[in-house]
Amino acid sequence: MYGGVTAIDGGFLQVLMTTTGDTAINRAVGGGCVGGSENAPKELTEMKVRFGTFAKDGDNCVRKTGFGTIEETTP
């Protein structure tokens, strides 16, 4: 248990569950494809992002952290 929250030891699912969600970054990433910078959506390259805590959105999670826009996260 870390900070009052249980964790899956060394689990990839733990990373997915705590760092992803329905965010502007995930929606913008869906418009890109593999390759160089020419394949990155303009929306994504111009987005201001940070690693932070997402606002609670009414689900049963204690908290989620990850990369999100300035509007979606708190430091």
PDB file of N, CA and C in Angstrom:
ATOM      1  N   MET A   1       0.858  -1.173   0.000  1.00  0.00           N
ATOM      2  CA  MET A   1       0.000   0.000   0.000  1.00  0.00           C
ATOM      3  C   MET A   1       0.896   1.225   0.000  1.00  0.00           C
ATOM      4  N   TYR A   2       0.603   2.172  -0.878  1.00  0.00           N
ATOM      5  CA  TYR A   2       1.385   3.394  -0.976  1.00  0.00           C
ATOM      6  C   TYR A   2       0.443   4.579  -0.833  1.00  0.00           C
ATOM      7  N   GLY A   3       0.667   5.412   0.140  1.00  0.00           N
ATOM      8  CA  GLY A   3      -0.173   6.591   0.326  1.00  0.00           C
ATOM      9  C   GLY A   3      -1.636   6.250   0.567  1.00  0.00           C
ATOM     10  N   GLY A   4      -1.889   5.094   1.186  1.00  0.00           N
ATOM     11  CA  GLY A   4      -3.252   4.690   1.458  1.00  0.00           C
ATOM     12  C   GLY A   4      -3.951   4.032   0.290  1.00  0.00           C
ATOM     13  N   VAL A   5      -3.217   3.780  -0.796  1.00  0.00           N
ATOM     14  CA  VAL A   5      -3.803   3.170  -1.986  1.00  0.00           C
ATOM     15  C   VAL A   5      -3.061   1.878  -2.292  1.00  0.00           C
ATOM     16  N   THR A   6      -3.779   0.773  -2.443  1.00  0.00           N
ATOM     17  CA  THR A   6      -3.128  -0.481  -2.774  1.00  0.00           C
ATOM     18  C   THR A   6      -2.617  -0.437  -4.203  1.00  0.00           C
ATOM     19  N   ALA A   7      -1.635  -1.264  -4.503  1.00  0.00           N
ATOM     20  CA  ALA A   7      -1.051  -1.294  -5.842  1.00  0.00           C
ATOM     21  C   ALA A   7      -0.794  -2.728  -6.264  1.00  0.00           C
ATOM     22  N   ILE A   8      -0.767  -2.959  -7.565  1.00  0.00           N
ATOM     23  CA  ILE A   8      -0.410  -4.249  -8.133  1.00  0.00           C
ATOM     24  C   ILE A   8       1.102  -4.216  -8.318  1.00  0.00           C
ATOM     25  N   ASP A   9       1.810  -5.090  -7.644  1.00  0.00           N
ATOM     26  CA  ASP A   9       3.266  -5.087  -7.683  1.00  0.00           C
ATOM     27  C   ASP A   9       3.786  -5.390  -9.087  1.00  0.00           C
ATOM     28  N   GLY A  10       4.430  -4.392  -9.697  1.00  0.00           N
ATOM     29  CA  GLY A  10       5.037  -4.581 -11.011  1.00  0.00           C
ATOM     30  C   GLY A  10       4.036  -4.819 -12.125  1.00  0.00           C
ATOM     31  N   GLY A  11       2.799  -4.422 -11.944  1.00  0.00           N
ATOM     32  CA  GLY A  11       1.765  -4.730 -12.914  1.00  0.00           C
ATOM     33  C   GLY A  11       1.546  -3.665 -13.969  1.00  0.00           C
ATOM     34  N   PHE A  12       1.541  -4.096 -15.227  1.00  0.00           N
ATOM     35  CA  PHE A  12       1.256  -3.188 -16.331  1.00  0.00           C
ATOM     36  C   PHE A  12      -0.161  -2.642 -16.231  1.00  0.00           C
ATOM     37  N   LEU A  13      -1.094  -3.454 -15.743  1.00  0.00           N
ATOM     38  CA  LEU A  13      -2.472  -2.988 -15.590  1.00  0.00           C
ATOM     39  C   LEU A  13      -2.559  -1.807 -14.629  1.00  0.00           C
ATOM     40  N   GLN A  14      -1.706  -1.823 -13.593  1.00  0.00           N
ATOM     41  CA  GLN A  14      -1.698  -0.701 -12.644  1.00  0.00           C
ATOM     42  C   GLN A  14      -1.352   0.597 -13.362  1.00  0.00           C
ATOM     43  N   VAL A  15      -0.365   0.537 -14.242  1.00  0.00           N
ATOM     44  CA  VAL A  15       0.022   1.721 -15.008  1.00  0.00           C
ATOM     45  C   VAL A  15      -1.132   2.182 -15.881  1.00  0.00           C
ATOM     46  N   LEU A  16      -1.759   1.266 -16.593  1.00  0.00           N
ATOM     47  CA  LEU A  16      -2.882   1.631 -17.463  1.00  0.00           C
ATOM     48  C   LEU A  16      -4.045   2.224 -16.681  1.00  0.00           C
ATOM     49  N   MET A  17      -4.385   1.614 -15.564  1.00  0.00           N
ATOM     50  CA  MET A  17      -5.545   2.063 -14.796  1.00  0.00           C
ATOM     51  C   MET A  17      -5.335   3.412 -14.139  1.00  0.00           C
ATOM     52  N   THR A  18      -4.086   3.747 -13.834  1.00  0.00           N
ATOM     53  CA  THR A  18      -3.852   4.994 -13.102  1.00  0.00           C
ATOM     54  C   THR A  18      -3.352   6.134 -13.968  1.00  0.00           C
ATOM     55  N   THR A  19      -3.041   5.887 -15.225  1.00  0.00           N
ATOM     56  CA  THR A  19      -2.497   6.968 -16.049  1.00  0.00           C
ATOM     57  C   THR A  19      -3.292   7.240 -17.314  1.00  0.00           C
ATOM     58  N   THR A  20      -4.336   6.480 -17.577  1.00  0.00           N
ATOM     59  CA  THR A  20      -5.102   6.712 -18.793  1.00  0.00           C
ATOM     60  C   THR A  20      -6.559   6.991 -18.463  1.00  0.00           C
ATOM     61  N   GLY A  21      -7.231   7.576 -19.401  1.00  0.00           N
ATOM     62  CA  GLY A  21      -8.636   7.890 -19.234  1.00  0.00           C
ATOM     63  C   GLY A  21      -9.135   8.608 -20.464  1.00  0.00           C
ATOM     64  N   ASP A  22     -10.332   9.117 -20.379  1.00  0.00           N
ATOM     65  CA  ASP A  22     -10.912   9.860 -21.490  1.00  0.00           C
ATOM     66  C   ASP A  22     -10.406  11.293 -21.405  1.00  0.00           C
ATOM     67  N   THR A  23      -9.235  11.526 -21.982  1.00  0.00           N
ATOM     68  CA  THR A  23      -8.604  12.838 -21.907  1.00  0.00           C
ATOM     69  C   THR A  23      -8.445  13.432 -23.299  1.00  0.00           C
ATOM     70  N   ALA A  24      -8.219  14.724 -23.334  1.00  0.00           N
ATOM     71  CA  ALA A  24      -7.991  15.406 -24.610  1.00  0.00           C
ATOM     72  C   ALA A  24      -6.769  14.841 -25.314  1.00  0.00           C
ATOM     73  N   ILE A  25      -5.744  14.466 -24.551  1.00  0.00           N
ATOM     74  CA  ILE A  25      -4.545  13.885 -25.160  1.00  0.00           C
ATOM     75  C   ILE A  25      -4.890  12.570 -25.854  1.00  0.00           C
ATOM     76  N   ASN A  26      -5.612  11.697 -25.178  1.00  0.00           N
ATOM     77  CA  ASN A  26      -5.967  10.406 -25.790  1.00  0.00           C
ATOM     78  C   ASN A  26      -6.808  10.599 -27.045  1.00  0.00           C
ATOM     79  N   ARG A  27      -7.699  11.559 -27.021  1.00  0.00           N
ATOM     80  CA  ARG A  27      -8.518  11.803 -28.214  1.00  0.00           C
ATOM     81  C   ARG A  27      -7.662  12.342 -29.354  1.00  0.00           C
ATOM     82  N   ALA A  28      -6.702  13.218 -29.057  1.00  0.00           N
ATOM     83  CA  ALA A  28      -5.832  13.777 -30.095  1.00  0.00           C
ATOM     84  C   ALA A  28      -4.878  12.720 -30.642  1.00  0.00           C
ATOM     85  N   VAL A  29      -4.368  11.866 -29.786  1.00  0.00           N
ATOM     86  CA  VAL A  29      -3.454  10.808 -30.211  1.00  0.00           C
ATOM     87  C   VAL A  29      -4.124   9.896 -31.234  1.00  0.00           C
ATOM     88  N   GLY A  30      -5.410   9.680 -31.093  1.00  0.00           N
ATOM     89  CA  GLY A  30      -6.141   8.824 -32.027  1.00  0.00           C
ATOM     90  C   GLY A  30      -6.091   9.325 -33.459  1.00  0.00           C
ATOM     91  N   GLY A  31      -5.772  10.586 -33.665  1.00  0.00           N
ATOM     92  CA  GLY A  31      -5.700  11.148 -35.009  1.00  0.00           C
ATOM     93  C   GLY A  31      -4.335  11.012 -35.659  1.00  0.00           C
ATOM     94  N   GLY A  32      -3.378  10.445 -34.932  1.00  0.00           N
ATOM     95  CA  GLY A  32      -2.028  10.292 -35.465  1.00  0.00           C
ATOM     96  C   GLY A  32      -1.752   8.870 -35.908  1.00  0.00           C
ATOM     97  N   CYS A  33      -0.557   8.676 -36.434  1.00  0.00           N
ATOM     98  CA  CYS A  33      -0.130   7.336 -36.819  1.00  0.00           C
ATOM     99  C   CYS A  33       1.377   7.234 -36.651  1.00  0.00           C
ATOM    100  N   VAL A  34       1.915   6.040 -36.845  1.00  0.00           N
ATOM    101  CA  VAL A  34       3.348   5.841 -36.662  1.00  0.00           C
ATOM    102  C   VAL A  34       4.137   6.628 -37.687  1.00  0.00           C
ATOM    103  N   GLY A  35       5.347   6.930 -37.344  1.00  0.00           N
ATOM    104  CA  GLY A  35       6.200   7.682 -38.257  1.00  0.00           C
ATOM    105  C   GLY A  35       6.734   8.935 -37.613  1.00  0.00           C
ATOM    106  N   GLY A  36       7.199   9.829 -38.412  1.00  0.00           N
ATOM    107  CA  GLY A  36       7.819  11.053 -37.933  1.00  0.00           C
ATOM    108  C   GLY A  36       6.827  12.095 -37.479  1.00  0.00           C
ATOM    109  N   SER A  37       7.366  13.266 -37.185  1.00  0.00           N
ATOM    110  CA  SER A  37       6.540  14.358 -36.658  1.00  0.00           C
ATOM    111  C   SER A  37       5.470  14.804 -37.645  1.00  0.00           C
ATOM    112  N   GLU A  38       5.683  14.527 -38.932  1.00  0.00           N
ATOM    113  CA  GLU A  38       4.668  14.907 -39.926  1.00  0.00           C
ATOM    114  C   GLU A  38       3.362  14.133 -39.736  1.00  0.00           C
ATOM    115  N   ASN A  39       3.402  13.045 -38.975  1.00  0.00           N
ATOM    116  CA  ASN A  39       2.198  12.245 -38.743  1.00  0.00           C
ATOM    117  C   ASN A  39       1.515  12.555 -37.408  1.00  0.00           C
ATOM    118  N   ALA A  40       2.056  13.515 -36.671  1.00  0.00           N
ATOM    119  CA  ALA A  40       1.451  13.912 -35.402  1.00  0.00           C
ATOM    120  C   ALA A  40       0.380  14.964 -35.665  1.00  0.00           C
ATOM    121  N   PRO A  41      -0.812  14.791 -35.104  1.00  0.00           N
ATOM    122  CA  PRO A  41      -1.869  15.786 -35.288  1.00  0.00           C
ATOM    123  C   PRO A  41      -1.442  17.150 -34.747  1.00  0.00           C
ATOM    124  N   LYS A  42      -1.766  18.199 -35.464  1.00  0.00           N
ATOM    125  CA  LYS A  42      -1.418  19.565 -35.051  1.00  0.00           C
ATOM    126  C   LYS A  42      -1.974  19.864 -33.660  1.00  0.00           C
ATOM    127  N   GLU A  43      -3.187  19.404 -33.401  1.00  0.00           N
ATOM    128  CA  GLU A  43      -3.812  19.615 -32.099  1.00  0.00           C
ATOM    129  C   GLU A  43      -2.917  19.076 -30.976  1.00  0.00           C
ATOM    130  N   LEU A  44      -2.306  17.919 -31.204  1.00  0.00           N
ATOM    131  CA  LEU A  44      -1.465  17.296 -30.194  1.00  0.00           C
ATOM    132  C   LEU A  44      -0.151  18.059 -30.020  1.00  0.00           C
ATOM    133  N   THR A  45       0.456  18.489 -31.107  1.00  0.00           N
ATOM    134  CA  THR A  45       1.745  19.182 -31.018  1.00  0.00           C
ATOM    135  C   THR A  45       1.624  20.564 -30.380  1.00  0.00           C
ATOM    136  N   GLU A  46       0.446  21.148 -30.415  1.00  0.00           N
ATOM    137  CA  GLU A  46       0.242  22.476 -29.835  1.00  0.00           C
ATOM    138  C   GLU A  46      -0.362  22.443 -28.433  1.00  0.00           C
ATOM    139  N   MET A  47      -0.667  21.252 -27.942  1.00  0.00           N
ATOM    140  CA  MET A  47      -1.322  21.089 -26.652  1.00  0.00           C
ATOM    141  C   MET A  47      -0.350  21.336 -25.502  1.00  0.00           C
ATOM    142  N   LYS A  48      -0.789  22.069 -24.486  1.00  0.00           N
ATOM    143  CA  LYS A  48       0.009  22.270 -23.275  1.00  0.00           C
ATOM    144  C   LYS A  48      -0.403  21.178 -22.294  1.00  0.00           C
ATOM    145  N   VAL A  49       0.567  20.348 -21.930  1.00  0.00           N
ATOM    146  CA  VAL A  49       0.279  19.198 -21.070  1.00  0.00           C
ATOM    147  C   VAL A  49       1.177  19.211 -19.840  1.00  0.00           C
ATOM    148  N   ARG A  50       0.754  18.460 -18.845  1.00  0.00           N
ATOM    149  CA  ARG A  50       1.566  18.250 -17.661  1.00  0.00           C
ATOM    150  C   ARG A  50       1.187  16.900 -17.050  1.00  0.00           C
ATOM    151  N   PHE A  51       2.062  16.401 -16.196  1.00  0.00           N
ATOM    152  CA  PHE A  51       1.776  15.201 -15.429  1.00  0.00           C
ATOM    153  C   PHE A  51       1.156  15.667 -14.126  1.00  0.00           C
ATOM    154  N   GLY A  52      -0.035  15.196 -13.832  1.00  0.00           N
ATOM    155  CA  GLY A  52      -0.711  15.632 -12.627  1.00  0.00           C
ATOM    156  C   GLY A  52      -1.843  14.710 -12.260  1.00  0.00           C
ATOM    157  N   THR A  53      -2.646  15.147 -11.320  1.00  0.00           N
ATOM    158  CA  THR A  53      -3.802  14.386 -10.856  1.00  0.00           C
ATOM    159  C   THR A  53      -5.033  14.860 -11.596  1.00  0.00           C
ATOM    160  N   PHE A  54      -5.788  13.899 -12.138  1.00  0.00           N
ATOM    161  CA  PHE A  54      -7.022  14.241 -12.837  1.00  0.00           C
ATOM    162  C   PHE A  54      -8.116  14.567 -11.839  1.00  0.00           C
ATOM    163  N   ALA A  55      -8.986  15.472 -12.223  1.00  0.00           N
ATOM    164  CA  ALA A  55     -10.138  15.796 -11.387  1.00  0.00           C
ATOM    165  C   ALA A  55     -11.016  14.546 -11.275  1.00  0.00           C
ATOM    166  N   LYS A  56     -11.564  14.316 -10.094  1.00  0.00           N
ATOM    167  CA  LYS A  56     -12.443  13.166  -9.898  1.00  0.00           C
ATOM    168  C   LYS A  56     -13.671  13.356 -10.777  1.00  0.00           C
ATOM    169  N   ASP A  57     -14.019  12.308 -11.538  1.00  0.00           N
ATOM    170  CA  ASP A  57     -15.111  12.439 -12.494  1.00  0.00           C
ATOM    171  C   ASP A  57     -16.326  11.609 -12.126  1.00  0.00           C
ATOM    172  N   GLY A  58     -16.488  11.330 -10.836  1.00  0.00           N
ATOM    173  CA  GLY A  58     -17.688  10.630 -10.411  1.00  0.00           C
ATOM    174  C   GLY A  58     -17.576   9.117 -10.427  1.00  0.00           C
ATOM    175  N   ASP A  59     -16.441   8.559 -10.842  1.00  0.00           N
ATOM    176  CA  ASP A  59     -16.298   7.105 -10.800  1.00  0.00           C
ATOM    177  C   ASP A  59     -15.863   6.689  -9.393  1.00  0.00           C
ATOM    178  N   ASN A  60     -15.579   5.427  -9.202  1.00  0.00           N
ATOM    179  CA  ASN A  60     -15.240   4.917  -7.878  1.00  0.00           C
ATOM    180  C   ASN A  60     -13.747   4.943  -7.585  1.00  0.00           C
ATOM    181  N   CYS A  61     -12.951   5.553  -8.421  1.00  0.00           N
ATOM    182  CA  CYS A  61     -11.505   5.580  -8.221  1.00  0.00           C
ATOM    183  C   CYS A  61     -11.128   6.571  -7.134  1.00  0.00           C
ATOM    184  N   VAL A  62     -10.062   6.228  -6.425  1.00  0.00           N
ATOM    185  CA  VAL A  62      -9.544   7.134  -5.409  1.00  0.00           C
ATOM    186  C   VAL A  62      -8.921   8.330  -6.096  1.00  0.00           C
ATOM    187  N   ARG A  63      -8.035   8.068  -7.058  1.00  0.00           N
ATOM    188  CA  ARG A  63      -7.426   9.137  -7.850  1.00  0.00           C
ATOM    189  C   ARG A  63      -6.728   8.525  -9.059  1.00  0.00           C
ATOM    190  N   LYS A  64      -6.546   9.342 -10.060  1.00  0.00           N
ATOM    191  CA  LYS A  64      -5.793   8.956 -11.244  1.00  0.00           C
ATOM    192  C   LYS A  64      -4.786  10.043 -11.526  1.00  0.00           C
ATOM    193  N   THR A  65      -3.590   9.629 -11.922  1.00  0.00           N
ATOM    194  CA  THR A  65      -2.565  10.583 -12.318  1.00  0.00           C
ATOM    195  C   THR A  65      -2.078  10.218 -13.701  1.00  0.00           C
ATOM    196  N   GLY A  66      -1.612  11.184 -14.420  1.00  0.00           N
ATOM    197  CA  GLY A  66      -1.095  10.926 -15.754  1.00  0.00           C
ATOM    198  C   GLY A  66      -0.913  12.217 -16.510  1.00  0.00           C
ATOM    199  N   PHE A  67      -0.652  12.094 -17.792  1.00  0.00           N
ATOM    200  CA  PHE A  67      -0.490  13.269 -18.632  1.00  0.00           C
ATOM    201  C   PHE A  67      -1.859  13.750 -19.081  1.00  0.00           C
ATOM    202  N   GLY A  68      -2.115  15.009 -18.876  1.00  0.00           N
ATOM    203  CA  GLY A  68      -3.374  15.615 -19.290  1.00  0.00           C
ATOM    204  C   GLY A  68      -3.140  17.083 -19.595  1.00  0.00           C
ATOM    205  N   THR A  69      -4.169  17.732 -20.063  1.00  0.00           N
ATOM    206  CA  THR A  69      -4.047  19.165 -20.338  1.00  0.00           C
ATOM    207  C   THR A  69      -4.049  19.928 -19.014  1.00  0.00           C
ATOM    208  N   ILE A  70      -3.677  21.177 -19.098  1.00  0.00           N
ATOM    209  CA  ILE A  70      -3.652  22.029 -17.913  1.00  0.00           C
ATOM    210  C   ILE A  70      -5.049  22.095 -17.285  1.00  0.00           C
ATOM    211  N   GLU A  71      -6.076  22.113 -18.128  1.00  0.00           N
ATOM    212  CA  GLU A  71      -7.457  22.200 -17.637  1.00  0.00           C
ATOM    213  C   GLU A  71      -7.913  20.897 -16.964  1.00  0.00           C
ATOM    214  N   GLU A  72      -7.353  19.766 -17.365  1.00  0.00           N
ATOM    215  CA  GLU A  72      -7.800  18.462 -16.852  1.00  0.00           C
ATOM    216  C   GLU A  72      -7.084  18.005 -15.591  1.00  0.00           C
ATOM    217  N   THR A  73      -5.941  18.616 -15.269  1.00  0.00           N
ATOM    218  CA  THR A  73      -5.122  18.133 -14.177  1.00  0.00           C
ATOM    219  C   THR A  73      -4.772  19.222 -13.185  1.00  0.00           C
ATOM    220  N   THR A  74      -4.366  18.775 -12.006  1.00  0.00           N
ATOM    221  CA  THR A  74      -3.778  19.667 -11.020  1.00  0.00           C
ATOM    222  C   THR A  74      -2.360  19.143 -10.755  1.00  0.00           C
ATOM    223  N   PRO A  75      -1.428  20.035 -10.470  1.00  0.00           N
ATOM    224  CA  PRO A  75      -0.036  19.585 -10.262  1.00  0.00           C
ATOM    225  C   PRO A  75       0.095  18.640  -9.067  1.00  0.00           C
TER     226      PRO A  75
END
